[in-house]
Amino acid sequence: DIRTGEPLRRLVIPGVDSVKCFTAPVFFNGRIYFGSIERGLVCVDERTFEMLWTSPVEEAMLVTVEYHKPPLRQLASVPVIWKGLVWATCQDGAVYAWDPITGERKKRIFTGAPYLASATVAEDCLYVADYTGRVRCFS
């Protein structure tokens, strides 16, 4: 509630401790996408708040959350929508693309250095910058 600050809805997953998130959500076609510390990409129905699917990533090369110990499958970047897929960079040194409906992994492009920054889309290209400072453009 904008006046009180009280949550209007909350996603509660009983018995699951691994859907911890510190990324901004992306809203697309009635779904919410966000990265998690141990479950990779998470997709939630915007209306019902039902968790529709999760899609794991590989083990992180660089862990950025001090209170969690490796091995982690951490996805800390904000997803983007590009060419009809959900894309995200990952601490495992790869750029991922998923089907937004099914969560099926469509691509994993391993580049060899972890990502902390989110991808961005401009002029029909996907730009990513890894931990070493390299910037890549996918078209």
N, C-alpha and C. Protein backbone atom coordinates (compact mmCIF):
# COMPACT_ATOMS: atom_id res chain seq x y z
N ASP A 1 0.84 -1.17 0.00
CA ASP A 1 0.00 0.00 0.00
C ASP A 1 0.89 1.24 0.00
N ILE A 2 0.69 2.11 -0.93
CA ILE A 2 1.55 3.29 -1.08
C ILE A 2 1.44 4.26 0.11
N ARG A 3 0.30 4.23 0.81
CA ARG A 3 0.13 5.13 1.96
C ARG A 3 0.74 4.58 3.24
N THR A 4 0.63 3.25 3.43
CA THR A 4 1.07 2.67 4.70
C THR A 4 2.40 1.93 4.60
N GLY A 5 2.76 1.54 3.39
CA GLY A 5 3.98 0.75 3.22
C GLY A 5 3.77 -0.73 3.48
N GLU A 6 2.57 -1.14 3.79
CA GLU A 6 2.26 -2.55 4.05
C GLU A 6 2.19 -3.31 2.74
N PRO A 7 2.72 -4.53 2.70
CA PRO A 7 2.62 -5.33 1.47
C PRO A 7 1.18 -5.67 1.14
N LEU A 8 0.82 -5.60 -0.12
CA LEU A 8 -0.51 -5.98 -0.56
C LEU A 8 -0.57 -7.47 -0.88
N ARG A 9 0.52 -8.01 -1.41
CA ARG A 9 0.63 -9.43 -1.71
C ARG A 9 2.04 -9.87 -1.38
N ARG A 10 2.17 -11.14 -1.08
CA ARG A 10 3.49 -11.68 -0.78
C ARG A 10 3.56 -13.11 -1.29
N LEU A 11 4.67 -13.46 -1.87
CA LEU A 11 4.90 -14.83 -2.32
C LEU A 11 5.57 -15.58 -1.19
N VAL A 12 4.88 -16.57 -0.66
CA VAL A 12 5.42 -17.40 0.41
C VAL A 12 5.56 -18.81 -0.14
N ILE A 13 6.77 -19.36 -0.05
CA ILE A 13 7.02 -20.70 -0.53
C ILE A 13 7.40 -21.55 0.67
N PRO A 14 6.46 -22.32 1.22
CA PRO A 14 6.74 -23.09 2.43
C PRO A 14 7.89 -24.07 2.25
N GLY A 15 8.76 -24.11 3.23
CA GLY A 15 9.83 -25.08 3.25
C GLY A 15 10.98 -24.80 2.30
N VAL A 16 10.91 -23.72 1.55
CA VAL A 16 11.97 -23.41 0.58
C VAL A 16 12.72 -22.18 1.06
N ASP A 17 14.02 -22.36 1.25
CA ASP A 17 14.86 -21.26 1.72
C ASP A 17 15.73 -20.68 0.61
N SER A 18 15.60 -21.20 -0.60
CA SER A 18 16.57 -20.85 -1.63
C SER A 18 16.08 -19.86 -2.68
N VAL A 19 14.91 -19.26 -2.51
CA VAL A 19 14.45 -18.26 -3.46
C VAL A 19 14.66 -16.90 -2.81
N LYS A 20 15.92 -16.57 -2.60
CA LYS A 20 16.28 -15.26 -2.06
C LYS A 20 16.71 -14.41 -3.24
N CYS A 21 16.23 -13.20 -3.27
CA CYS A 21 16.43 -12.37 -4.45
C CYS A 21 16.98 -11.02 -4.06
N PHE A 22 17.93 -10.52 -4.85
CA PHE A 22 18.35 -9.14 -4.68
C PHE A 22 18.50 -8.45 -6.02
N THR A 23 17.63 -8.86 -6.99
CA THR A 23 17.60 -8.19 -8.28
C THR A 23 16.27 -7.48 -8.43
N ALA A 24 16.24 -6.50 -9.30
CA ALA A 24 14.98 -5.86 -9.64
C ALA A 24 14.16 -6.84 -10.48
N PRO A 25 12.86 -6.83 -10.33
CA PRO A 25 12.03 -7.70 -11.15
C PRO A 25 11.80 -7.10 -12.54
N VAL A 26 11.51 -7.97 -13.50
CA VAL A 26 11.11 -7.54 -14.83
C VAL A 26 9.69 -8.06 -15.05
N PHE A 27 8.80 -7.17 -15.46
CA PHE A 27 7.41 -7.52 -15.73
C PHE A 27 7.23 -7.63 -17.24
N PHE A 28 6.67 -8.77 -17.71
CA PHE A 28 6.50 -8.98 -19.14
C PHE A 28 5.35 -9.95 -19.38
N ASN A 29 4.34 -9.51 -20.10
CA ASN A 29 3.20 -10.35 -20.49
C ASN A 29 2.56 -11.08 -19.32
N GLY A 30 2.35 -10.38 -18.20
CA GLY A 30 1.66 -10.97 -17.06
C GLY A 30 2.52 -11.84 -16.17
N ARG A 31 3.82 -11.79 -16.40
CA ARG A 31 4.74 -12.58 -15.58
C ARG A 31 5.82 -11.68 -14.98
N ILE A 32 6.37 -12.14 -13.87
CA ILE A 32 7.45 -11.43 -13.20
C ILE A 32 8.67 -12.34 -13.21
N TYR A 33 9.81 -11.79 -13.65
CA TYR A 33 11.06 -12.55 -13.71
C TYR A 33 12.08 -11.89 -12.81
N PHE A 34 12.83 -12.71 -12.06
CA PHE A 34 13.90 -12.18 -11.23
C PHE A 34 14.93 -13.26 -10.96
N GLY A 35 16.14 -12.83 -10.65
CA GLY A 35 17.21 -13.75 -10.31
C GLY A 35 17.16 -14.13 -8.84
N SER A 36 17.73 -15.29 -8.52
CA SER A 36 17.74 -15.74 -7.13
C SER A 36 19.14 -16.23 -6.77
N ILE A 37 19.36 -16.44 -5.50
CA ILE A 37 20.68 -16.84 -5.03
C ILE A 37 21.00 -18.28 -5.37
N GLU A 38 20.02 -19.17 -5.30
CA GLU A 38 20.31 -20.58 -5.53
C GLU A 38 19.48 -21.26 -6.60
N ARG A 39 18.45 -20.62 -7.11
CA ARG A 39 17.56 -21.27 -8.07
C ARG A 39 17.64 -20.67 -9.48
N GLY A 40 18.57 -19.79 -9.73
CA GLY A 40 18.68 -19.20 -11.06
C GLY A 40 17.55 -18.22 -11.33
N LEU A 41 16.96 -18.32 -12.52
CA LEU A 41 15.86 -17.42 -12.88
C LEU A 41 14.56 -17.96 -12.34
N VAL A 42 13.74 -17.05 -11.78
CA VAL A 42 12.45 -17.41 -11.21
C VAL A 42 11.36 -16.67 -11.99
N CYS A 43 10.26 -17.37 -12.29
CA CYS A 43 9.13 -16.77 -12.98
C CYS A 43 7.88 -16.92 -12.12
N VAL A 44 7.18 -15.80 -11.92
CA VAL A 44 5.99 -15.77 -11.07
C VAL A 44 4.84 -15.15 -11.86
N ASP A 45 3.63 -15.70 -11.70
CA ASP A 45 2.45 -15.11 -12.32
C ASP A 45 2.15 -13.78 -11.63
N GLU A 46 2.03 -12.73 -12.41
CA GLU A 46 1.83 -11.38 -11.85
C GLU A 46 0.51 -11.25 -11.11
N ARG A 47 -0.53 -11.92 -11.57
CA ARG A 47 -1.85 -11.79 -10.96
C ARG A 47 -2.00 -12.65 -9.72
N THR A 48 -1.59 -13.91 -9.79
CA THR A 48 -1.81 -14.85 -8.69
C THR A 48 -0.64 -14.97 -7.73
N PHE A 49 0.55 -14.51 -8.16
CA PHE A 49 1.79 -14.68 -7.40
C PHE A 49 2.19 -16.15 -7.27
N GLU A 50 1.67 -16.99 -8.12
CA GLU A 50 2.08 -18.39 -8.14
C GLU A 50 3.44 -18.50 -8.82
N MET A 51 4.37 -19.26 -8.20
CA MET A 51 5.65 -19.49 -8.83
C MET A 51 5.44 -20.49 -9.96
N LEU A 52 5.72 -20.06 -11.20
CA LEU A 52 5.46 -20.89 -12.37
C LEU A 52 6.61 -21.81 -12.68
N TRP A 53 7.85 -21.32 -12.57
CA TRP A 53 9.02 -22.15 -12.82
C TRP A 53 10.28 -21.47 -12.31
N THR A 54 11.30 -22.29 -12.14
CA THR A 54 12.64 -21.80 -11.89
C THR A 54 13.56 -22.50 -12.88
N SER A 55 14.64 -21.85 -13.24
CA SER A 55 15.60 -22.46 -14.16
C SER A 55 17.00 -22.21 -13.62
N PRO A 56 17.70 -23.27 -13.25
CA PRO A 56 19.00 -23.10 -12.60
C PRO A 56 20.09 -22.62 -13.55
N VAL A 57 21.13 -22.08 -12.96
CA VAL A 57 22.35 -21.70 -13.66
C VAL A 57 23.47 -22.55 -13.09
N GLU A 58 24.64 -22.42 -13.66
CA GLU A 58 25.78 -23.21 -13.20
C GLU A 58 26.38 -22.57 -11.93
N GLU A 59 27.34 -23.25 -11.32
CA GLU A 59 27.95 -22.77 -10.08
C GLU A 59 28.70 -21.46 -10.31
N ALA A 60 28.51 -20.51 -9.40
CA ALA A 60 29.12 -19.18 -9.51
C ALA A 60 30.64 -19.24 -9.38
N MET A 61 31.31 -18.46 -10.22
CA MET A 61 32.76 -18.30 -10.13
C MET A 61 33.11 -17.27 -9.06
N LEU A 62 32.17 -16.37 -8.81
CA LEU A 62 32.36 -15.27 -7.87
C LEU A 62 31.10 -15.13 -7.06
N VAL A 63 31.20 -15.24 -5.74
CA VAL A 63 30.04 -15.13 -4.85
C VAL A 63 30.04 -13.75 -4.24
N THR A 64 28.91 -13.05 -4.38
CA THR A 64 28.83 -11.66 -3.92
C THR A 64 28.01 -11.48 -2.65
N VAL A 65 27.49 -12.55 -2.10
CA VAL A 65 26.70 -12.47 -0.88
C VAL A 65 27.49 -13.12 0.23
N GLU A 66 28.02 -12.31 1.15
CA GLU A 66 28.95 -12.81 2.16
C GLU A 66 28.36 -13.87 3.08
N TYR A 67 27.08 -13.82 3.34
CA TYR A 67 26.51 -14.75 4.31
C TYR A 67 26.10 -16.09 3.67
N HIS A 68 26.42 -16.29 2.41
CA HIS A 68 26.21 -17.58 1.76
C HIS A 68 27.57 -18.13 1.34
N LYS A 69 27.73 -19.39 1.47
CA LYS A 69 29.00 -20.03 1.14
C LYS A 69 28.87 -20.83 -0.16
N PRO A 70 29.94 -20.89 -0.94
CA PRO A 70 29.92 -21.70 -2.16
C PRO A 70 29.67 -23.16 -1.81
N PRO A 71 29.16 -23.97 -2.70
CA PRO A 71 28.82 -23.61 -4.07
C PRO A 71 27.44 -22.95 -4.15
N LEU A 72 27.33 -21.90 -4.95
CA LEU A 72 26.05 -21.22 -5.18
C LEU A 72 25.77 -21.16 -6.67
N ARG A 73 24.52 -21.18 -6.99
CA ARG A 73 24.07 -21.02 -8.38
C ARG A 73 23.34 -19.69 -8.44
N GLN A 74 24.12 -18.65 -8.28
CA GLN A 74 23.63 -17.30 -8.04
C GLN A 74 23.42 -16.53 -9.35
N LEU A 75 22.22 -15.94 -9.49
CA LEU A 75 21.93 -15.06 -10.61
C LEU A 75 21.54 -13.71 -10.02
N ALA A 76 22.46 -12.77 -10.03
CA ALA A 76 22.24 -11.49 -9.35
C ALA A 76 21.99 -10.34 -10.31
N SER A 77 21.88 -10.61 -11.59
CA SER A 77 21.63 -9.53 -12.54
C SER A 77 20.15 -9.39 -12.82
N VAL A 78 19.76 -8.21 -13.28
CA VAL A 78 18.37 -7.96 -13.65
C VAL A 78 18.14 -8.54 -15.04
N PRO A 79 17.15 -9.39 -15.21
CA PRO A 79 16.88 -9.94 -16.54
C PRO A 79 16.40 -8.85 -17.50
N VAL A 80 16.57 -9.09 -18.79
CA VAL A 80 16.04 -8.21 -19.83
C VAL A 80 15.31 -9.06 -20.86
N ILE A 81 14.38 -8.45 -21.56
CA ILE A 81 13.67 -9.13 -22.64
C ILE A 81 14.31 -8.68 -23.95
N TRP A 82 14.74 -9.65 -24.76
CA TRP A 82 15.37 -9.34 -26.05
C TRP A 82 15.08 -10.47 -27.01
N LYS A 83 14.59 -10.11 -28.18
CA LYS A 83 14.27 -11.08 -29.23
C LYS A 83 13.35 -12.19 -28.74
N GLY A 84 12.38 -11.82 -27.90
CA GLY A 84 11.38 -12.77 -27.43
C GLY A 84 11.81 -13.71 -26.34
N LEU A 85 13.03 -13.54 -25.82
CA LEU A 85 13.54 -14.40 -24.74
C LEU A 85 13.89 -13.56 -23.53
N VAL A 86 14.00 -14.22 -22.38
CA VAL A 86 14.46 -13.58 -21.15
C VAL A 86 15.96 -13.84 -21.06
N TRP A 87 16.75 -12.77 -21.00
CA TRP A 87 18.22 -12.87 -20.96
C TRP A 87 18.73 -12.38 -19.62
N ALA A 88 19.84 -12.96 -19.16
CA ALA A 88 20.49 -12.49 -17.94
C ALA A 88 21.96 -12.90 -17.97
N THR A 89 22.79 -12.07 -17.38
CA THR A 89 24.19 -12.40 -17.16
C THR A 89 24.31 -13.10 -15.81
N CYS A 90 25.40 -13.85 -15.62
CA CYS A 90 25.49 -14.66 -14.42
C CYS A 90 26.91 -14.72 -13.87
N GLN A 91 27.03 -14.96 -12.59
CA GLN A 91 28.33 -15.09 -11.94
C GLN A 91 29.09 -16.34 -12.37
N ASP A 92 28.46 -17.22 -13.13
CA ASP A 92 29.16 -18.41 -13.60
C ASP A 92 29.94 -18.15 -14.89
N GLY A 93 29.97 -16.90 -15.36
CA GLY A 93 30.72 -16.55 -16.55
C GLY A 93 29.96 -16.74 -17.84
N ALA A 94 28.64 -16.76 -17.76
CA ALA A 94 27.84 -16.99 -18.96
C ALA A 94 26.69 -15.98 -19.08
N VAL A 95 26.21 -15.89 -20.30
CA VAL A 95 25.00 -15.13 -20.63
C VAL A 95 23.95 -16.17 -20.99
N TYR A 96 22.78 -16.06 -20.37
CA TYR A 96 21.71 -17.04 -20.56
C TYR A 96 20.51 -16.43 -21.28
N ALA A 97 19.77 -17.30 -21.98
CA ALA A 97 18.48 -16.94 -22.57
C ALA A 97 17.49 -18.06 -22.28
N TRP A 98 16.28 -17.68 -21.85
CA TRP A 98 15.23 -18.64 -21.53
C TRP A 98 13.96 -18.32 -22.28
N ASP A 99 13.18 -19.35 -22.55
CA ASP A 99 11.85 -19.17 -23.08
C ASP A 99 11.01 -18.54 -21.97
N PRO A 100 10.33 -17.41 -22.23
CA PRO A 100 9.59 -16.74 -21.15
C PRO A 100 8.37 -17.50 -20.65
N ILE A 101 7.85 -18.43 -21.44
CA ILE A 101 6.67 -19.19 -21.03
C ILE A 101 7.05 -20.46 -20.27
N THR A 102 7.96 -21.23 -20.83
CA THR A 102 8.28 -22.55 -20.26
C THR A 102 9.48 -22.55 -19.32
N GLY A 103 10.36 -21.55 -19.43
CA GLY A 103 11.58 -21.54 -18.63
C GLY A 103 12.68 -22.40 -19.22
N GLU A 104 12.44 -22.99 -20.39
CA GLU A 104 13.45 -23.81 -21.02
C GLU A 104 14.66 -22.94 -21.40
N ARG A 105 15.85 -23.43 -21.03
CA ARG A 105 17.07 -22.71 -21.37
C ARG A 105 17.31 -22.86 -22.87
N LYS A 106 17.37 -21.72 -23.55
CA LYS A 106 17.58 -21.72 -25.00
C LYS A 106 19.04 -21.52 -25.35
N LYS A 107 19.76 -20.74 -24.53
CA LYS A 107 21.17 -20.49 -24.80
C LYS A 107 21.92 -20.33 -23.50
N ARG A 108 23.18 -20.74 -23.54
CA ARG A 108 24.14 -20.44 -22.49
C ARG A 108 25.44 -20.14 -23.21
N ILE A 109 25.82 -18.87 -23.21
CA ILE A 109 27.03 -18.42 -23.89
C ILE A 109 28.10 -18.19 -22.83
N PHE A 110 29.04 -19.13 -22.73
CA PHE A 110 30.10 -19.02 -21.73
C PHE A 110 31.20 -18.11 -22.27
N THR A 111 31.55 -17.09 -21.48
CA THR A 111 32.59 -16.14 -21.91
C THR A 111 33.82 -16.17 -21.02
N GLY A 112 33.76 -16.88 -19.90
CA GLY A 112 34.95 -17.10 -19.08
C GLY A 112 35.19 -16.17 -17.92
N ALA A 113 34.39 -15.14 -17.77
CA ALA A 113 34.55 -14.23 -16.62
C ALA A 113 33.17 -13.97 -16.03
N PRO A 114 33.06 -13.89 -14.70
CA PRO A 114 31.76 -13.69 -14.07
C PRO A 114 31.17 -12.31 -14.40
N TYR A 115 29.85 -12.25 -14.32
CA TYR A 115 29.12 -11.01 -14.55
C TYR A 115 28.49 -10.54 -13.26
N LEU A 116 28.67 -9.28 -12.95
CA LEU A 116 27.97 -8.65 -11.83
C LEU A 116 26.96 -7.64 -12.35
N ALA A 117 27.25 -7.05 -13.51
CA ALA A 117 26.36 -6.05 -14.10
C ALA A 117 25.30 -6.73 -14.96
N SER A 118 24.14 -6.12 -15.02
CA SER A 118 23.06 -6.63 -15.86
C SER A 118 23.32 -6.29 -17.31
N ALA A 119 22.72 -7.05 -18.19
CA ALA A 119 22.77 -6.76 -19.63
C ALA A 119 21.86 -5.57 -19.92
N THR A 120 22.08 -4.97 -21.07
CA THR A 120 21.19 -3.90 -21.51
C THR A 120 20.95 -4.07 -23.00
N VAL A 121 19.83 -3.56 -23.46
CA VAL A 121 19.45 -3.66 -24.87
C VAL A 121 19.40 -2.26 -25.45
N ALA A 122 20.06 -2.09 -26.61
CA ALA A 122 20.02 -0.82 -27.33
C ALA A 122 20.16 -1.10 -28.82
N GLU A 123 19.33 -0.45 -29.61
CA GLU A 123 19.38 -0.56 -31.07
C GLU A 123 19.45 -2.01 -31.52
N ASP A 124 18.57 -2.85 -30.95
CA ASP A 124 18.44 -4.26 -31.30
C ASP A 124 19.69 -5.09 -31.01
N CYS A 125 20.52 -4.64 -30.10
CA CYS A 125 21.69 -5.40 -29.67
C CYS A 125 21.64 -5.61 -28.16
N LEU A 126 22.21 -6.73 -27.71
CA LEU A 126 22.34 -7.02 -26.29
C LEU A 126 23.78 -6.75 -25.90
N TYR A 127 23.98 -5.89 -24.91
CA TYR A 127 25.32 -5.53 -24.44
C TYR A 127 25.53 -6.10 -23.04
N VAL A 128 26.71 -6.68 -22.82
CA VAL A 128 27.07 -7.22 -21.51
C VAL A 128 28.50 -6.80 -21.18
N ALA A 129 28.77 -6.59 -19.90
CA ALA A 129 30.12 -6.25 -19.44
C ALA A 129 30.48 -7.19 -18.30
N ASP A 130 31.61 -7.89 -18.44
CA ASP A 130 31.98 -8.86 -17.42
C ASP A 130 32.89 -8.25 -16.36
N TYR A 131 33.26 -9.07 -15.39
CA TYR A 131 34.05 -8.62 -14.23
C TYR A 131 35.44 -8.13 -14.60
N THR A 132 35.95 -8.54 -15.77
CA THR A 132 37.29 -8.09 -16.20
C THR A 132 37.23 -6.77 -16.95
N GLY A 133 36.01 -6.27 -17.23
CA GLY A 133 35.87 -5.01 -17.95
C GLY A 133 35.58 -5.18 -19.42
N ARG A 134 35.56 -6.40 -19.92
CA ARG A 134 35.25 -6.62 -21.33
C ARG A 134 33.76 -6.36 -21.58
N VAL A 135 33.50 -5.65 -22.68
CA VAL A 135 32.11 -5.40 -23.11
C VAL A 135 31.88 -6.17 -24.40
N ARG A 136 30.77 -6.89 -24.43
CA ARG A 136 30.42 -7.66 -25.63
C ARG A 136 29.08 -7.18 -26.16
N CYS A 137 28.93 -7.29 -27.47
CA CYS A 137 27.67 -6.93 -28.14
C CYS A 137 27.20 -8.14 -28.92
N PHE A 138 25.97 -8.54 -28.66
CA PHE A 138 25.33 -9.63 -29.42
C PHE A 138 24.24 -9.02 -30.27
N SER A 139 24.19 -9.44 -31.55
CA SER A 139 23.16 -8.89 -32.43
C SER A 139 22.35 -9.99 -33.09
